[in-house]
Amino acid sequence: MADIPLTANVLGPDAPTLIAVSKSAPKNIVAAIRAKGVFVEEAGSDHVELPLLLKILKEKYKVNRMMIEGGPTLNWHMLHHQLVDEIRLIHLPFIVGGSDTPSLVGGMHINSEDEMIRLRLKNHYLCGTNLVSEYDVLYKKA
């Protein structure tokens, strides 16, 4: 969609930035983003296709490893396409909640225990008062 505000700080000169769009993104907005000095890559027709985007990042930009700090929707799609190798969770020493509190993944609907994405604990440690746990993602073989 290319719906990032043209005033967003990420479009500034501080670091190289890449924005992924689909072919359906408005050409005038894509041009305005490029005019900010930002790399823009098309990765899909109607929406950004994550497997294609990661292929572009690897082949064109030599990205072999990256950290994604996403919300529930991005996290789900990355896991659904089996694009995540490991997960790092930071457990804060307080509790928040409510029906509108985001979860780690959104949109995940499973019908049986077999459809769960399994994790294997590989490390845990304290960082100040926060517990950090690191997991390998274990996808079920097709």
N, C-alpha and C. Protein backbone atom coordinates (compact mmCIF):
# COMPACT_ATOMS: atom_id res chain seq x y z
N MET A 1 0.81 -1.19 0.00
CA MET A 1 0.00 0.00 0.00
C MET A 1 0.86 1.26 0.00
N ALA A 2 2.05 1.20 0.58
CA ALA A 2 2.89 2.40 0.69
C ALA A 2 2.19 3.45 1.53
N ASP A 3 1.63 3.01 2.66
CA ASP A 3 0.87 3.94 3.49
C ASP A 3 1.68 4.55 4.63
N ILE A 4 2.99 4.55 4.51
CA ILE A 4 3.84 5.18 5.51
C ILE A 4 3.77 6.71 5.32
N PRO A 5 3.62 7.47 6.40
CA PRO A 5 3.61 8.93 6.26
C PRO A 5 4.95 9.42 5.72
N LEU A 6 4.91 10.34 4.80
CA LEU A 6 6.15 10.86 4.21
C LEU A 6 6.96 11.66 5.22
N THR A 7 6.38 11.96 6.37
CA THR A 7 7.10 12.67 7.44
C THR A 7 7.68 11.72 8.48
N ALA A 8 7.54 10.41 8.27
CA ALA A 8 8.04 9.42 9.24
C ALA A 8 9.55 9.55 9.40
N ASN A 9 10.00 9.48 10.64
CA ASN A 9 11.45 9.61 10.93
C ASN A 9 12.28 8.57 10.22
N VAL A 10 11.72 7.39 9.98
CA VAL A 10 12.47 6.31 9.34
C VAL A 10 12.86 6.68 7.91
N LEU A 11 12.20 7.65 7.32
CA LEU A 11 12.52 8.09 5.97
C LEU A 11 13.60 9.17 5.95
N GLY A 12 14.21 9.42 7.10
CA GLY A 12 15.26 10.42 7.19
C GLY A 12 16.61 9.89 6.76
N PRO A 13 17.63 10.73 6.81
CA PRO A 13 18.95 10.38 6.30
C PRO A 13 19.84 9.61 7.28
N ASP A 14 19.31 9.24 8.45
CA ASP A 14 20.15 8.65 9.49
C ASP A 14 20.70 7.28 9.16
N ALA A 15 19.96 6.49 8.39
CA ALA A 15 20.40 5.13 8.07
C ALA A 15 19.75 4.71 6.75
N PRO A 16 20.41 3.81 6.02
CA PRO A 16 19.77 3.30 4.80
C PRO A 16 18.45 2.63 5.16
N THR A 17 17.43 2.89 4.37
CA THR A 17 16.10 2.37 4.65
C THR A 17 15.51 1.77 3.38
N LEU A 18 14.81 0.65 3.56
CA LEU A 18 14.12 0.00 2.47
C LEU A 18 12.65 -0.12 2.84
N ILE A 19 11.78 0.28 1.94
CA ILE A 19 10.34 0.13 2.12
C ILE A 19 9.86 -0.89 1.10
N ALA A 20 9.13 -1.90 1.56
CA ALA A 20 8.56 -2.90 0.66
C ALA A 20 7.13 -2.52 0.34
N VAL A 21 6.79 -2.60 -0.94
CA VAL A 21 5.44 -2.30 -1.41
C VAL A 21 4.99 -3.40 -2.36
N SER A 22 3.71 -3.41 -2.65
CA SER A 22 3.20 -4.29 -3.70
C SER A 22 3.09 -3.48 -4.99
N LYS A 23 2.88 -4.18 -6.09
CA LYS A 23 2.74 -3.50 -7.39
C LYS A 23 1.52 -2.60 -7.43
N SER A 24 0.56 -2.84 -6.54
CA SER A 24 -0.65 -2.02 -6.51
C SER A 24 -0.48 -0.72 -5.74
N ALA A 25 0.69 -0.49 -5.17
CA ALA A 25 0.93 0.76 -4.43
C ALA A 25 0.85 1.95 -5.40
N PRO A 26 0.26 3.05 -4.95
CA PRO A 26 0.15 4.22 -5.83
C PRO A 26 1.54 4.71 -6.27
N LYS A 27 1.71 4.84 -7.56
CA LYS A 27 3.02 5.20 -8.14
C LYS A 27 3.51 6.56 -7.64
N ASN A 28 2.60 7.52 -7.44
CA ASN A 28 3.02 8.84 -6.97
C ASN A 28 3.57 8.78 -5.54
N ILE A 29 3.00 7.92 -4.71
CA ILE A 29 3.49 7.80 -3.33
C ILE A 29 4.83 7.06 -3.33
N VAL A 30 4.95 6.03 -4.14
CA VAL A 30 6.22 5.31 -4.26
C VAL A 30 7.32 6.27 -4.72
N ALA A 31 7.01 7.12 -5.68
CA ALA A 31 7.98 8.11 -6.18
C ALA A 31 8.36 9.09 -5.08
N ALA A 32 7.40 9.50 -4.27
CA ALA A 32 7.67 10.43 -3.18
C ALA A 32 8.56 9.78 -2.12
N ILE A 33 8.34 8.49 -1.87
CA ILE A 33 9.19 7.77 -0.91
C ILE A 33 10.61 7.67 -1.46
N ARG A 34 10.74 7.31 -2.72
CA ARG A 34 12.07 7.23 -3.35
C ARG A 34 12.77 8.58 -3.32
N ALA A 35 12.02 9.67 -3.49
CA ALA A 35 12.60 11.01 -3.48
C ALA A 35 13.22 11.35 -2.13
N LYS A 36 12.82 10.64 -1.09
CA LYS A 36 13.40 10.84 0.24
C LYS A 36 14.74 10.12 0.37
N GLY A 37 15.18 9.43 -0.69
CA GLY A 37 16.44 8.70 -0.64
C GLY A 37 16.32 7.30 -0.10
N VAL A 38 15.11 6.78 -0.13
CA VAL A 38 14.82 5.46 0.43
C VAL A 38 14.75 4.44 -0.70
N PHE A 39 15.26 3.23 -0.45
CA PHE A 39 15.12 2.13 -1.40
C PHE A 39 13.68 1.63 -1.33
N VAL A 40 13.08 1.36 -2.45
CA VAL A 40 11.73 0.80 -2.50
C VAL A 40 11.79 -0.46 -3.36
N GLU A 41 11.24 -1.55 -2.84
CA GLU A 41 11.21 -2.82 -3.57
C GLU A 41 9.77 -3.30 -3.67
N GLU A 42 9.38 -3.71 -4.87
CA GLU A 42 8.09 -4.35 -5.08
C GLU A 42 8.23 -5.84 -4.79
N ALA A 43 7.36 -6.33 -3.92
CA ALA A 43 7.41 -7.75 -3.55
C ALA A 43 6.00 -8.30 -3.48
N GLY A 44 5.38 -8.42 -4.62
CA GLY A 44 4.03 -8.96 -4.66
C GLY A 44 3.11 -8.08 -5.48
N SER A 45 1.97 -8.63 -5.87
CA SER A 45 1.02 -7.91 -6.71
C SER A 45 0.05 -7.05 -5.89
N ASP A 46 -0.74 -7.71 -5.04
CA ASP A 46 -1.76 -6.99 -4.28
C ASP A 46 -1.33 -6.67 -2.85
N HIS A 47 -0.38 -7.41 -2.35
CA HIS A 47 0.14 -7.20 -1.00
C HIS A 47 1.61 -7.63 -0.99
N VAL A 48 2.33 -7.24 0.04
CA VAL A 48 3.74 -7.64 0.15
C VAL A 48 3.78 -9.12 0.50
N GLU A 49 4.44 -9.89 -0.34
CA GLU A 49 4.61 -11.32 -0.12
C GLU A 49 5.92 -11.52 0.63
N LEU A 50 5.84 -11.92 1.89
CA LEU A 50 7.02 -12.00 2.74
C LEU A 50 8.09 -12.95 2.22
N PRO A 51 7.75 -14.16 1.73
CA PRO A 51 8.82 -15.01 1.20
C PRO A 51 9.58 -14.33 0.04
N LEU A 52 8.86 -13.64 -0.83
CA LEU A 52 9.49 -12.93 -1.94
C LEU A 52 10.35 -11.78 -1.42
N LEU A 53 9.85 -11.04 -0.43
CA LEU A 53 10.63 -9.94 0.14
C LEU A 53 11.93 -10.45 0.73
N LEU A 54 11.89 -11.54 1.49
CA LEU A 54 13.12 -12.07 2.07
C LEU A 54 14.08 -12.56 1.00
N LYS A 55 13.55 -13.10 -0.08
CA LYS A 55 14.41 -13.51 -1.21
C LYS A 55 15.10 -12.29 -1.82
N ILE A 56 14.36 -11.20 -2.00
CA ILE A 56 14.94 -9.96 -2.53
C ILE A 56 16.02 -9.44 -1.58
N LEU A 57 15.73 -9.44 -0.29
CA LEU A 57 16.70 -8.94 0.69
C LEU A 57 17.98 -9.76 0.65
N LYS A 58 17.85 -11.07 0.51
CA LYS A 58 19.03 -11.94 0.48
C LYS A 58 19.83 -11.75 -0.81
N GLU A 59 19.14 -11.79 -1.94
CA GLU A 59 19.84 -11.76 -3.23
C GLU A 59 20.36 -10.38 -3.59
N LYS A 60 19.57 -9.36 -3.38
CA LYS A 60 19.94 -8.02 -3.83
C LYS A 60 20.71 -7.22 -2.78
N TYR A 61 20.39 -7.44 -1.50
CA TYR A 61 20.99 -6.64 -0.43
C TYR A 61 21.91 -7.46 0.47
N LYS A 62 22.08 -8.74 0.17
CA LYS A 62 22.98 -9.64 0.92
C LYS A 62 22.61 -9.75 2.40
N VAL A 63 21.32 -9.66 2.70
CA VAL A 63 20.85 -9.81 4.08
C VAL A 63 20.68 -11.30 4.35
N ASN A 64 21.48 -11.83 5.27
CA ASN A 64 21.41 -13.25 5.62
C ASN A 64 20.76 -13.48 6.97
N ARG A 65 20.68 -12.44 7.77
CA ARG A 65 20.13 -12.56 9.12
C ARG A 65 19.52 -11.22 9.48
N MET A 66 18.34 -11.25 10.08
CA MET A 66 17.72 -10.01 10.50
C MET A 66 16.85 -10.23 11.72
N MET A 67 16.64 -9.15 12.45
CA MET A 67 15.75 -9.18 13.60
C MET A 67 14.47 -8.47 13.19
N ILE A 68 13.35 -9.07 13.51
CA ILE A 68 12.05 -8.46 13.24
C ILE A 68 11.41 -8.16 14.58
N GLU A 69 11.07 -6.92 14.77
CA GLU A 69 10.37 -6.53 15.98
C GLU A 69 8.97 -6.11 15.53
N GLY A 70 8.14 -7.12 15.30
CA GLY A 70 6.85 -6.87 14.69
C GLY A 70 5.71 -6.96 15.68
N GLY A 71 4.55 -6.60 15.19
CA GLY A 71 3.33 -6.76 15.95
C GLY A 71 2.73 -8.13 15.67
N PRO A 72 1.56 -8.39 16.22
CA PRO A 72 0.96 -9.71 16.10
C PRO A 72 0.70 -10.16 14.67
N THR A 73 0.34 -9.24 13.77
CA THR A 73 0.03 -9.62 12.39
C THR A 73 1.29 -10.03 11.65
N LEU A 74 2.32 -9.19 11.70
CA LEU A 74 3.58 -9.53 11.04
C LEU A 74 4.18 -10.80 11.64
N ASN A 75 4.17 -10.91 12.96
CA ASN A 75 4.72 -12.11 13.61
C ASN A 75 4.02 -13.37 13.10
N TRP A 76 2.67 -13.33 13.00
CA TRP A 76 1.95 -14.51 12.54
C TRP A 76 2.33 -14.85 11.11
N HIS A 77 2.36 -13.86 10.24
CA HIS A 77 2.66 -14.15 8.83
C HIS A 77 4.09 -14.68 8.66
N MET A 78 5.02 -14.15 9.43
CA MET A 78 6.40 -14.67 9.36
C MET A 78 6.45 -16.13 9.82
N LEU A 79 5.75 -16.45 10.89
CA LEU A 79 5.71 -17.83 11.37
C LEU A 79 4.94 -18.73 10.39
N HIS A 80 3.83 -18.25 9.90
CA HIS A 80 3.01 -19.03 8.97
C HIS A 80 3.80 -19.42 7.71
N HIS A 81 4.65 -18.54 7.22
CA HIS A 81 5.47 -18.82 6.04
C HIS A 81 6.80 -19.49 6.40
N GLN A 82 6.95 -19.86 7.67
CA GLN A 82 8.16 -20.53 8.18
C GLN A 82 9.42 -19.73 7.88
N LEU A 83 9.37 -18.43 8.13
CA LEU A 83 10.49 -17.54 7.88
C LEU A 83 11.23 -17.16 9.15
N VAL A 84 10.85 -17.74 10.27
CA VAL A 84 11.46 -17.44 11.56
C VAL A 84 12.26 -18.65 12.03
N ASP A 85 13.53 -18.43 12.37
CA ASP A 85 14.37 -19.51 12.89
C ASP A 85 14.39 -19.54 14.41
N GLU A 86 14.35 -18.35 15.00
CA GLU A 86 14.41 -18.27 16.45
C GLU A 86 13.57 -17.11 16.96
N ILE A 87 13.17 -17.21 18.21
CA ILE A 87 12.36 -16.18 18.86
C ILE A 87 13.02 -15.81 20.18
N ARG A 88 13.10 -14.53 20.43
CA ARG A 88 13.60 -14.03 21.71
C ARG A 88 12.47 -13.28 22.38
N LEU A 89 12.09 -13.71 23.57
CA LEU A 89 11.03 -13.07 24.33
C LEU A 89 11.63 -12.37 25.54
N ILE A 90 11.13 -11.19 25.82
CA ILE A 90 11.55 -10.45 27.00
C ILE A 90 10.35 -10.37 27.93
N HIS A 91 10.50 -10.96 29.10
CA HIS A 91 9.43 -11.02 30.09
C HIS A 91 9.65 -9.88 31.07
N LEU A 92 8.72 -8.94 31.10
CA LEU A 92 8.82 -7.78 31.97
C LEU A 92 8.19 -8.07 33.31
N PRO A 93 8.70 -7.45 34.38
CA PRO A 93 8.19 -7.76 35.72
C PRO A 93 6.92 -6.99 36.08
N PHE A 94 5.95 -6.99 35.18
CA PHE A 94 4.64 -6.44 35.48
C PHE A 94 3.61 -7.10 34.57
N ILE A 95 2.35 -6.94 34.90
CA ILE A 95 1.28 -7.58 34.16
C ILE A 95 0.38 -6.51 33.56
N VAL A 96 0.08 -6.66 32.28
CA VAL A 96 -0.91 -5.81 31.61
C VAL A 96 -1.91 -6.74 30.96
N GLY A 97 -3.06 -6.23 30.65
CA GLY A 97 -4.05 -7.08 30.04
C GLY A 97 -5.23 -6.29 29.55
N GLY A 98 -6.21 -7.02 29.12
CA GLY A 98 -7.41 -6.42 28.57
C GLY A 98 -7.69 -7.02 27.21
N SER A 99 -8.91 -6.89 26.76
CA SER A 99 -9.30 -7.51 25.50
C SER A 99 -8.60 -6.87 24.31
N ASP A 100 -8.09 -5.65 24.45
CA ASP A 100 -7.42 -4.99 23.33
C ASP A 100 -5.90 -5.02 23.45
N THR A 101 -5.36 -5.80 24.39
CA THR A 101 -3.92 -5.92 24.55
C THR A 101 -3.38 -6.85 23.47
N PRO A 102 -2.40 -6.38 22.66
CA PRO A 102 -1.88 -7.25 21.59
C PRO A 102 -1.20 -8.50 22.15
N SER A 103 -1.30 -9.57 21.38
CA SER A 103 -0.61 -10.80 21.74
C SER A 103 0.61 -10.96 20.84
N LEU A 104 1.40 -11.98 21.08
CA LEU A 104 2.60 -12.23 20.28
C LEU A 104 2.25 -12.47 18.81
N VAL A 105 1.18 -13.23 18.57
CA VAL A 105 0.73 -13.48 17.20
C VAL A 105 -0.76 -13.23 17.11
N GLY A 106 -1.18 -12.75 15.96
CA GLY A 106 -2.60 -12.54 15.69
C GLY A 106 -2.97 -13.30 14.44
N GLY A 107 -4.22 -13.68 14.33
CA GLY A 107 -4.67 -14.36 13.12
C GLY A 107 -4.37 -15.84 13.09
N MET A 108 -3.80 -16.36 14.16
CA MET A 108 -3.45 -17.78 14.20
C MET A 108 -4.65 -18.57 14.68
N HIS A 109 -5.19 -19.39 13.81
CA HIS A 109 -6.33 -20.23 14.18
C HIS A 109 -5.90 -21.69 13.99
N ILE A 110 -5.91 -22.42 15.09
CA ILE A 110 -5.52 -23.82 15.01
C ILE A 110 -6.72 -24.68 15.40
N ASN A 111 -6.80 -25.84 14.77
CA ASN A 111 -7.89 -26.76 15.03
C ASN A 111 -7.47 -27.93 15.90
N SER A 112 -6.16 -28.15 15.98
CA SER A 112 -5.69 -29.27 16.80
C SER A 112 -4.29 -28.94 17.32
N GLU A 113 -3.89 -29.72 18.30
CA GLU A 113 -2.57 -29.56 18.90
C GLU A 113 -1.45 -29.76 17.87
N ASP A 114 -1.72 -30.57 16.86
CA ASP A 114 -0.72 -30.83 15.81
C ASP A 114 -0.36 -29.58 15.02
N GLU A 115 -1.26 -28.60 14.99
CA GLU A 115 -1.02 -27.38 14.23
C GLU A 115 -0.23 -26.32 15.01
N MET A 116 0.06 -26.59 16.28
CA MET A 116 0.82 -25.63 17.08
C MET A 116 2.25 -25.53 16.57
N ILE A 117 2.81 -24.35 16.64
CA ILE A 117 4.22 -24.15 16.30
C ILE A 117 5.02 -24.37 17.58
N ARG A 118 5.88 -25.35 17.57
CA ARG A 118 6.64 -25.73 18.77
C ARG A 118 7.93 -24.91 18.87
N LEU A 119 8.38 -24.71 20.09
CA LEU A 119 9.62 -24.01 20.37
C LEU A 119 10.51 -24.88 21.24
N ARG A 120 11.84 -24.71 21.08
CA ARG A 120 12.79 -25.40 21.95
C ARG A 120 13.63 -24.34 22.64
N LEU A 121 13.57 -24.31 23.96
CA LEU A 121 14.36 -23.35 24.74
C LEU A 121 15.83 -23.60 24.51
N LYS A 122 16.58 -22.55 24.14
CA LYS A 122 18.01 -22.72 23.96
C LYS A 122 18.83 -21.86 24.92
N ASN A 123 18.21 -20.81 25.47
CA ASN A 123 18.94 -19.96 26.40
C ASN A 123 17.96 -19.11 27.18
N HIS A 124 18.35 -18.74 28.38
CA HIS A 124 17.59 -17.77 29.17
C HIS A 124 18.54 -17.07 30.12
N TYR A 125 18.24 -15.80 30.39
CA TYR A 125 19.11 -15.00 31.26
C TYR A 125 18.36 -13.76 31.74
N LEU A 126 18.88 -13.17 32.79
CA LEU A 126 18.32 -11.91 33.28
C LEU A 126 19.05 -10.75 32.64
N CYS A 127 18.29 -9.74 32.28
CA CYS A 127 18.84 -8.48 31.78
C CYS A 127 18.20 -7.41 32.67
N GLY A 128 18.92 -7.01 33.70
CA GLY A 128 18.31 -6.16 34.72
C GLY A 128 17.25 -6.96 35.44
N THR A 129 16.03 -6.44 35.48
CA THR A 129 14.93 -7.19 36.10
C THR A 129 14.09 -7.95 35.07
N ASN A 130 14.51 -7.95 33.83
CA ASN A 130 13.77 -8.64 32.76
C ASN A 130 14.36 -10.02 32.50
N LEU A 131 13.50 -11.00 32.35
CA LEU A 131 13.92 -12.34 31.96
C LEU A 131 13.87 -12.43 30.44
N VAL A 132 14.96 -12.85 29.84
CA VAL A 132 15.02 -13.04 28.40
C VAL A 132 15.09 -14.54 28.13
N SER A 133 14.22 -15.02 27.25
CA SER A 133 14.27 -16.43 26.87
C SER A 133 14.40 -16.51 25.35
N GLU A 134 15.26 -17.41 24.90
CA GLU A 134 15.54 -17.58 23.48
C GLU A 134 15.15 -18.99 23.07
N TYR A 135 14.44 -19.11 21.95
CA TYR A 135 13.91 -20.38 21.49
C TYR A 135 14.26 -20.61 20.03
N ASP A 136 14.49 -21.86 19.66
CA ASP A 136 14.51 -22.27 18.25
C ASP A 136 13.07 -22.60 17.89
N VAL A 137 12.68 -22.26 16.66
CA VAL A 137 11.35 -22.58 16.17
C VAL A 137 11.41 -23.94 15.49
N LEU A 138 10.49 -24.83 15.87
CA LEU A 138 10.47 -26.19 15.34
C LEU A 138 9.20 -26.35 14.49
N TYR A 139 9.36 -26.24 13.20
CA TYR A 139 8.23 -26.39 12.31
C TYR A 139 7.98 -27.87 12.05
N LYS A 140 6.71 -28.22 11.94
CA LYS A 140 6.34 -29.60 11.62
C LYS A 140 6.73 -29.88 10.18
N LYS A 141 7.36 -31.00 9.95
CA LYS A 141 7.74 -31.39 8.59
C LYS A 141 6.51 -31.72 7.77
N ALA A 142 6.49 -31.22 6.55
CA ALA A 142 5.32 -31.49 5.68
C ALA A 142 5.41 -32.85 5.05
